[in-house]
Amino acid sequence: MANDLTELAKADERQLIEATFRNGSITAIGVVVGFSLGFLSRWSALPGEWTPSDLMSVTLITLGLALQIKSLADLLLISSLQLKRYNRSIWTFLTGLVLVGLGVILAIFADLLGFRGIVLQG
């Protein structure tokens, strides 16, 4: 029984993806990271006072961006050709993407509800 589990784990580690498939993922993630960085840098350059809703939004966006960058860095490693590592990197990226999206949505709704953050005034 233990030998079967060991062999199953080894077989799982040997499953590889094509390098060209991974390269496409790296390109797509790199573009999204670039847009996220651009949004955050534009936001930080806006004049005015930050409100608590701005701080909550920028926190979500920053955490999401950190996960996106971690995912990109993980995919640049040769070991990311293993299916298990590749899938983990993609889930890390998607989690980061959701956090960035939630931060942007929070900023929009805060502005619509009258909290008047600096995000949408620039």
N, C-alpha and C. Protein backbone atom coordinates (compact mmCIF):
# COMPACT_ATOMS: atom_id res chain seq x y z
N MET A 1 0.82 -1.19 0.00
CA MET A 1 0.00 0.00 0.00
C MET A 1 0.87 1.25 0.00
N ALA A 2 1.90 1.29 0.86
CA ALA A 2 2.79 2.45 0.94
C ALA A 2 3.58 2.61 -0.35
N ASN A 3 3.98 1.46 -0.97
CA ASN A 3 4.71 1.53 -2.22
C ASN A 3 3.86 2.12 -3.33
N ASP A 4 2.56 1.78 -3.33
CA ASP A 4 1.65 2.32 -4.34
C ASP A 4 1.54 3.84 -4.20
N LEU A 5 1.47 4.34 -2.99
CA LEU A 5 1.38 5.79 -2.76
C LEU A 5 2.67 6.49 -3.18
N THR A 6 3.79 5.86 -2.90
CA THR A 6 5.08 6.44 -3.28
C THR A 6 5.21 6.51 -4.79
N GLU A 7 4.84 5.44 -5.47
CA GLU A 7 4.91 5.43 -6.93
C GLU A 7 3.93 6.40 -7.55
N LEU A 8 2.76 6.54 -6.95
CA LEU A 8 1.78 7.51 -7.43
C LEU A 8 2.31 8.93 -7.29
N ALA A 9 2.96 9.23 -6.18
CA ALA A 9 3.54 10.56 -5.97
C ALA A 9 4.65 10.84 -6.97
N LYS A 10 5.49 9.82 -7.24
CA LYS A 10 6.57 9.99 -8.21
C LYS A 10 6.01 10.20 -9.62
N ALA A 11 4.96 9.46 -9.96
CA ALA A 11 4.35 9.62 -11.27
C ALA A 11 3.74 11.00 -11.42
N ASP A 12 3.17 11.52 -10.35
CA ASP A 12 2.58 12.86 -10.39
C ASP A 12 3.65 13.92 -10.63
N GLU A 13 4.84 13.73 -10.03
CA GLU A 13 5.93 14.68 -10.20
C GLU A 13 6.52 14.63 -11.61
N ARG A 14 6.38 13.50 -12.29
CA ARG A 14 6.96 13.35 -13.62
C ARG A 14 6.06 13.92 -14.71
N GLN A 15 4.82 14.24 -14.41
CA GLN A 15 3.94 14.80 -15.43
C GLN A 15 4.43 16.21 -15.77
N LEU A 16 4.73 16.41 -17.04
CA LEU A 16 5.28 17.69 -17.48
C LEU A 16 4.33 18.35 -18.48
N ILE A 17 4.44 19.67 -18.56
CA ILE A 17 3.71 20.41 -19.58
C ILE A 17 4.70 20.82 -20.66
N GLU A 18 4.18 21.20 -21.80
CA GLU A 18 5.05 21.66 -22.89
C GLU A 18 5.61 23.04 -22.55
N ALA A 19 6.85 23.27 -22.88
CA ALA A 19 7.49 24.55 -22.60
C ALA A 19 6.79 25.69 -23.34
N THR A 20 6.31 25.42 -24.56
CA THR A 20 5.63 26.47 -25.33
C THR A 20 4.32 26.88 -24.65
N PHE A 21 3.65 25.93 -24.02
CA PHE A 21 2.42 26.25 -23.29
C PHE A 21 2.73 27.14 -22.10
N ARG A 22 3.78 26.80 -21.38
CA ARG A 22 4.19 27.62 -20.23
C ARG A 22 4.60 29.01 -20.68
N ASN A 23 5.29 29.11 -21.82
CA ASN A 23 5.73 30.41 -22.32
C ASN A 23 4.54 31.33 -22.61
N GLY A 24 3.46 30.78 -23.12
CA GLY A 24 2.27 31.57 -23.35
C GLY A 24 1.67 32.09 -22.05
N SER A 25 1.70 31.24 -21.04
CA SER A 25 1.21 31.66 -19.72
C SER A 25 2.08 32.77 -19.14
N ILE A 26 3.38 32.64 -19.31
CA ILE A 26 4.30 33.67 -18.81
C ILE A 26 4.01 35.01 -19.50
N THR A 27 3.78 34.98 -20.79
CA THR A 27 3.49 36.21 -21.53
C THR A 27 2.19 36.85 -21.04
N ALA A 28 1.15 36.06 -20.92
CA ALA A 28 -0.14 36.59 -20.47
C ALA A 28 -0.05 37.16 -19.05
N ILE A 29 0.60 36.44 -18.17
CA ILE A 29 0.74 36.91 -16.79
C ILE A 29 1.60 38.17 -16.75
N GLY A 30 2.64 38.22 -17.55
CA GLY A 30 3.49 39.41 -17.60
C GLY A 30 2.73 40.65 -18.04
N VAL A 31 1.84 40.49 -19.02
CA VAL A 31 1.03 41.62 -19.48
C VAL A 31 0.10 42.10 -18.36
N VAL A 32 -0.56 41.17 -17.69
CA VAL A 32 -1.48 41.54 -16.61
C VAL A 32 -0.72 42.19 -15.45
N VAL A 33 0.45 41.69 -15.11
CA VAL A 33 1.27 42.30 -14.06
C VAL A 33 1.64 43.73 -14.46
N GLY A 34 1.98 43.93 -15.72
CA GLY A 34 2.31 45.27 -16.21
C GLY A 34 1.15 46.23 -16.07
N PHE A 35 -0.05 45.79 -16.41
CA PHE A 35 -1.24 46.64 -16.26
C PHE A 35 -1.51 46.94 -14.79
N SER A 36 -1.36 45.94 -13.94
CA SER A 36 -1.60 46.15 -12.51
C SER A 36 -0.59 47.14 -11.93
N LEU A 37 0.67 47.00 -12.30
CA LEU A 37 1.70 47.94 -11.84
C LEU A 37 1.42 49.35 -12.36
N GLY A 38 0.99 49.45 -13.60
CA GLY A 38 0.66 50.76 -14.17
C GLY A 38 -0.49 51.42 -13.44
N PHE A 39 -1.51 50.64 -13.12
CA PHE A 39 -2.66 51.19 -12.40
C PHE A 39 -2.23 51.68 -11.02
N LEU A 40 -1.44 50.88 -10.32
CA LEU A 40 -1.00 51.24 -8.97
C LEU A 40 -0.08 52.45 -8.99
N SER A 41 0.82 52.55 -9.96
CA SER A 41 1.73 53.69 -10.02
C SER A 41 0.98 54.97 -10.39
N ARG A 42 -0.01 54.88 -11.26
CA ARG A 42 -0.81 56.06 -11.61
C ARG A 42 -1.60 56.52 -10.39
N TRP A 43 -2.14 55.59 -9.66
CA TRP A 43 -2.94 55.90 -8.49
C TRP A 43 -2.08 56.58 -7.43
N SER A 44 -0.88 56.08 -7.22
CA SER A 44 -0.02 56.65 -6.17
C SER A 44 0.46 58.05 -6.52
N ALA A 45 0.46 58.40 -7.80
CA ALA A 45 0.93 59.72 -8.23
C ALA A 45 -0.17 60.78 -8.17
N LEU A 46 -1.41 60.40 -7.90
CA LEU A 46 -2.50 61.38 -7.87
C LEU A 46 -2.37 62.29 -6.65
N PRO A 47 -2.62 63.58 -6.85
CA PRO A 47 -2.59 64.48 -5.70
C PRO A 47 -3.86 64.33 -4.85
N GLY A 48 -3.75 64.71 -3.61
CA GLY A 48 -4.91 64.66 -2.73
C GLY A 48 -4.67 63.77 -1.53
N GLU A 49 -5.62 63.83 -0.61
CA GLU A 49 -5.51 63.03 0.60
C GLU A 49 -6.13 61.65 0.38
N TRP A 50 -5.52 60.69 1.00
CA TRP A 50 -6.03 59.33 0.93
C TRP A 50 -7.08 59.14 2.01
N THR A 51 -8.13 58.43 1.68
CA THR A 51 -9.18 58.11 2.63
C THR A 51 -9.02 56.66 3.07
N PRO A 52 -9.72 56.25 4.14
CA PRO A 52 -9.64 54.84 4.54
C PRO A 52 -10.05 53.87 3.43
N SER A 53 -11.01 54.26 2.61
CA SER A 53 -11.41 53.36 1.51
C SER A 53 -10.28 53.23 0.49
N ASP A 54 -9.50 54.31 0.29
CA ASP A 54 -8.35 54.21 -0.59
C ASP A 54 -7.32 53.23 -0.03
N LEU A 55 -7.10 53.31 1.26
CA LEU A 55 -6.11 52.43 1.89
C LEU A 55 -6.53 50.97 1.82
N MET A 56 -7.81 50.70 2.00
CA MET A 56 -8.28 49.32 1.88
C MET A 56 -8.11 48.82 0.44
N SER A 57 -8.45 49.67 -0.51
CA SER A 57 -8.33 49.28 -1.92
C SER A 57 -6.88 49.05 -2.31
N VAL A 58 -6.00 49.97 -1.91
CA VAL A 58 -4.60 49.83 -2.29
C VAL A 58 -3.96 48.63 -1.60
N THR A 59 -4.43 48.29 -0.42
CA THR A 59 -3.92 47.10 0.26
C THR A 59 -4.28 45.84 -0.52
N LEU A 60 -5.54 45.75 -0.95
CA LEU A 60 -5.95 44.58 -1.75
C LEU A 60 -5.18 44.52 -3.06
N ILE A 61 -5.03 45.66 -3.72
CA ILE A 61 -4.33 45.69 -5.00
C ILE A 61 -2.86 45.31 -4.82
N THR A 62 -2.23 45.80 -3.77
CA THR A 62 -0.82 45.50 -3.52
C THR A 62 -0.62 44.01 -3.20
N LEU A 63 -1.48 43.45 -2.37
CA LEU A 63 -1.38 42.02 -2.07
C LEU A 63 -1.59 41.19 -3.34
N GLY A 64 -2.59 41.57 -4.13
CA GLY A 64 -2.84 40.85 -5.37
C GLY A 64 -1.68 40.96 -6.33
N LEU A 65 -1.09 42.13 -6.42
CA LEU A 65 0.06 42.34 -7.29
C LEU A 65 1.25 41.52 -6.82
N ALA A 66 1.45 41.43 -5.52
CA ALA A 66 2.54 40.61 -4.98
C ALA A 66 2.35 39.14 -5.37
N LEU A 67 1.12 38.65 -5.30
CA LEU A 67 0.86 37.26 -5.70
C LEU A 67 1.07 37.06 -7.19
N GLN A 68 0.69 38.04 -7.99
CA GLN A 68 0.90 37.95 -9.43
C GLN A 68 2.40 37.89 -9.76
N ILE A 69 3.18 38.73 -9.09
CA ILE A 69 4.62 38.74 -9.34
C ILE A 69 5.26 37.42 -8.87
N LYS A 70 4.80 36.90 -7.73
CA LYS A 70 5.30 35.61 -7.25
C LYS A 70 5.01 34.51 -8.25
N SER A 71 3.81 34.54 -8.81
CA SER A 71 3.43 33.55 -9.80
C SER A 71 4.32 33.65 -11.04
N LEU A 72 4.56 34.87 -11.49
CA LEU A 72 5.44 35.07 -12.64
C LEU A 72 6.85 34.56 -12.36
N ALA A 73 7.36 34.88 -11.18
CA ALA A 73 8.70 34.40 -10.81
C ALA A 73 8.74 32.88 -10.74
N ASP A 74 7.70 32.27 -10.19
CA ASP A 74 7.65 30.80 -10.12
C ASP A 74 7.62 30.17 -11.51
N LEU A 75 6.90 30.79 -12.43
CA LEU A 75 6.80 30.23 -13.78
C LEU A 75 8.10 30.38 -14.57
N LEU A 76 8.96 31.28 -14.15
CA LEU A 76 10.24 31.44 -14.84
C LEU A 76 11.24 30.36 -14.47
N LEU A 77 10.96 29.60 -13.42
CA LEU A 77 11.84 28.50 -13.03
C LEU A 77 11.61 27.29 -13.93
N ILE A 78 12.65 26.54 -14.19
CA ILE A 78 12.54 25.34 -15.03
C ILE A 78 11.63 24.31 -14.37
N SER A 79 11.63 24.28 -13.04
CA SER A 79 10.79 23.30 -12.33
C SER A 79 9.30 23.54 -12.55
N SER A 80 8.93 24.71 -13.09
CA SER A 80 7.51 24.97 -13.34
C SER A 80 6.98 24.17 -14.52
N LEU A 81 7.84 23.43 -15.20
CA LEU A 81 7.37 22.53 -16.25
C LEU A 81 6.66 21.31 -15.67
N GLN A 82 6.83 21.07 -14.38
CA GLN A 82 6.08 20.00 -13.72
C GLN A 82 4.63 20.47 -13.57
N LEU A 83 3.71 19.62 -13.91
CA LEU A 83 2.30 19.98 -13.91
C LEU A 83 1.83 20.49 -12.56
N LYS A 84 2.28 19.84 -11.50
CA LYS A 84 1.85 20.23 -10.16
C LYS A 84 2.30 21.66 -9.82
N ARG A 85 3.54 21.97 -10.12
CA ARG A 85 4.07 23.32 -9.84
C ARG A 85 3.43 24.36 -10.76
N TYR A 86 3.21 23.99 -12.01
CA TYR A 86 2.57 24.90 -12.96
C TYR A 86 1.16 25.26 -12.48
N ASN A 87 0.39 24.25 -12.09
CA ASN A 87 -0.97 24.51 -11.62
C ASN A 87 -0.99 25.38 -10.37
N ARG A 88 -0.04 25.14 -9.47
CA ARG A 88 0.04 25.96 -8.25
C ARG A 88 0.34 27.42 -8.61
N SER A 89 1.22 27.64 -9.57
CA SER A 89 1.55 29.00 -10.00
C SER A 89 0.35 29.70 -10.64
N ILE A 90 -0.40 28.95 -11.42
CA ILE A 90 -1.59 29.53 -12.05
C ILE A 90 -2.63 29.90 -11.00
N TRP A 91 -2.83 29.06 -10.00
CA TRP A 91 -3.79 29.39 -8.94
C TRP A 91 -3.32 30.58 -8.12
N THR A 92 -2.02 30.70 -7.90
CA THR A 92 -1.49 31.87 -7.20
C THR A 92 -1.77 33.13 -8.01
N PHE A 93 -1.56 33.05 -9.32
CA PHE A 93 -1.84 34.20 -10.18
C PHE A 93 -3.32 34.57 -10.15
N LEU A 94 -4.19 33.57 -10.26
CA LEU A 94 -5.62 33.86 -10.27
C LEU A 94 -6.09 34.47 -8.95
N THR A 95 -5.52 34.01 -7.84
CA THR A 95 -5.84 34.60 -6.54
C THR A 95 -5.42 36.07 -6.52
N GLY A 96 -4.24 36.36 -7.02
CA GLY A 96 -3.77 37.74 -7.10
C GLY A 96 -4.64 38.58 -8.00
N LEU A 97 -5.07 38.01 -9.11
CA LEU A 97 -5.94 38.73 -10.04
C LEU A 97 -7.28 39.08 -9.39
N VAL A 98 -7.83 38.15 -8.64
CA VAL A 98 -9.09 38.40 -7.94
C VAL A 98 -8.91 39.51 -6.90
N LEU A 99 -7.80 39.49 -6.16
CA LEU A 99 -7.56 40.53 -5.15
C LEU A 99 -7.42 41.91 -5.80
N VAL A 100 -6.72 42.00 -6.91
CA VAL A 100 -6.60 43.28 -7.62
C VAL A 100 -7.98 43.74 -8.09
N GLY A 101 -8.75 42.83 -8.65
CA GLY A 101 -10.10 43.17 -9.08
C GLY A 101 -10.98 43.64 -7.94
N LEU A 102 -10.89 42.97 -6.81
CA LEU A 102 -11.68 43.39 -5.64
C LEU A 102 -11.25 44.78 -5.16
N GLY A 103 -9.96 45.06 -5.19
CA GLY A 103 -9.49 46.38 -4.80
C GLY A 103 -10.01 47.48 -5.70
N VAL A 104 -10.02 47.22 -7.00
CA VAL A 104 -10.54 48.20 -7.96
C VAL A 104 -12.05 48.37 -7.76
N ILE A 105 -12.77 47.28 -7.61
CA ILE A 105 -14.22 47.35 -7.40
C ILE A 105 -14.54 48.10 -6.11
N LEU A 106 -13.77 47.84 -5.05
CA LEU A 106 -13.98 48.55 -3.79
C LEU A 106 -13.77 50.05 -3.98
N ALA A 107 -12.76 50.44 -4.72
CA ALA A 107 -12.50 51.86 -4.98
C ALA A 107 -13.65 52.49 -5.75
N ILE A 108 -14.18 51.77 -6.73
CA ILE A 108 -15.29 52.31 -7.53
C ILE A 108 -16.53 52.47 -6.68
N PHE A 109 -16.88 51.45 -5.91
CA PHE A 109 -18.08 51.54 -5.08
C PHE A 109 -17.92 52.56 -3.95
N ALA A 110 -16.73 52.71 -3.41
CA ALA A 110 -16.50 53.73 -2.39
C ALA A 110 -16.74 55.11 -2.97
N ASP A 111 -16.30 55.32 -4.20
CA ASP A 111 -16.53 56.61 -4.84
C ASP A 111 -18.01 56.82 -5.14
N LEU A 112 -18.67 55.78 -5.61
CA LEU A 112 -20.11 55.90 -5.90
C LEU A 112 -20.93 56.16 -4.65
N LEU A 113 -20.50 55.62 -3.51
CA LEU A 113 -21.24 55.79 -2.26
C LEU A 113 -20.88 57.10 -1.55
N GLY A 114 -19.98 57.87 -2.14
CA GLY A 114 -19.68 59.19 -1.60
C GLY A 114 -18.52 59.27 -0.64
N PHE A 115 -17.66 58.27 -0.59
CA PHE A 115 -16.52 58.34 0.30
C PHE A 115 -15.37 59.17 -0.31
N ARG A 116 -15.49 59.49 -1.55
CA ARG A 116 -14.60 60.39 -2.27
C ARG A 116 -13.11 60.12 -2.09
N GLY A 117 -12.71 58.97 -2.55
CA GLY A 117 -11.29 58.66 -2.56
C GLY A 117 -10.63 59.37 -3.71
N ILE A 118 -9.33 59.27 -3.80
CA ILE A 118 -8.59 59.98 -4.86
C ILE A 118 -8.52 59.18 -6.15
N VAL A 119 -8.92 57.94 -6.12
CA VAL A 119 -8.70 57.06 -7.26
C VAL A 119 -9.40 57.54 -8.53
N LEU A 120 -10.64 57.83 -8.44
CA LEU A 120 -11.41 58.15 -9.65
C LEU A 120 -11.44 59.63 -9.95
N GLN A 121 -10.74 60.46 -9.20
CA GLN A 121 -10.71 61.88 -9.46
C GLN A 121 -9.61 62.29 -10.43
N GLY A 122 -8.65 61.40 -10.66
CA GLY A 122 -7.50 61.74 -11.52
C GLY A 122 -7.76 61.60 -12.97
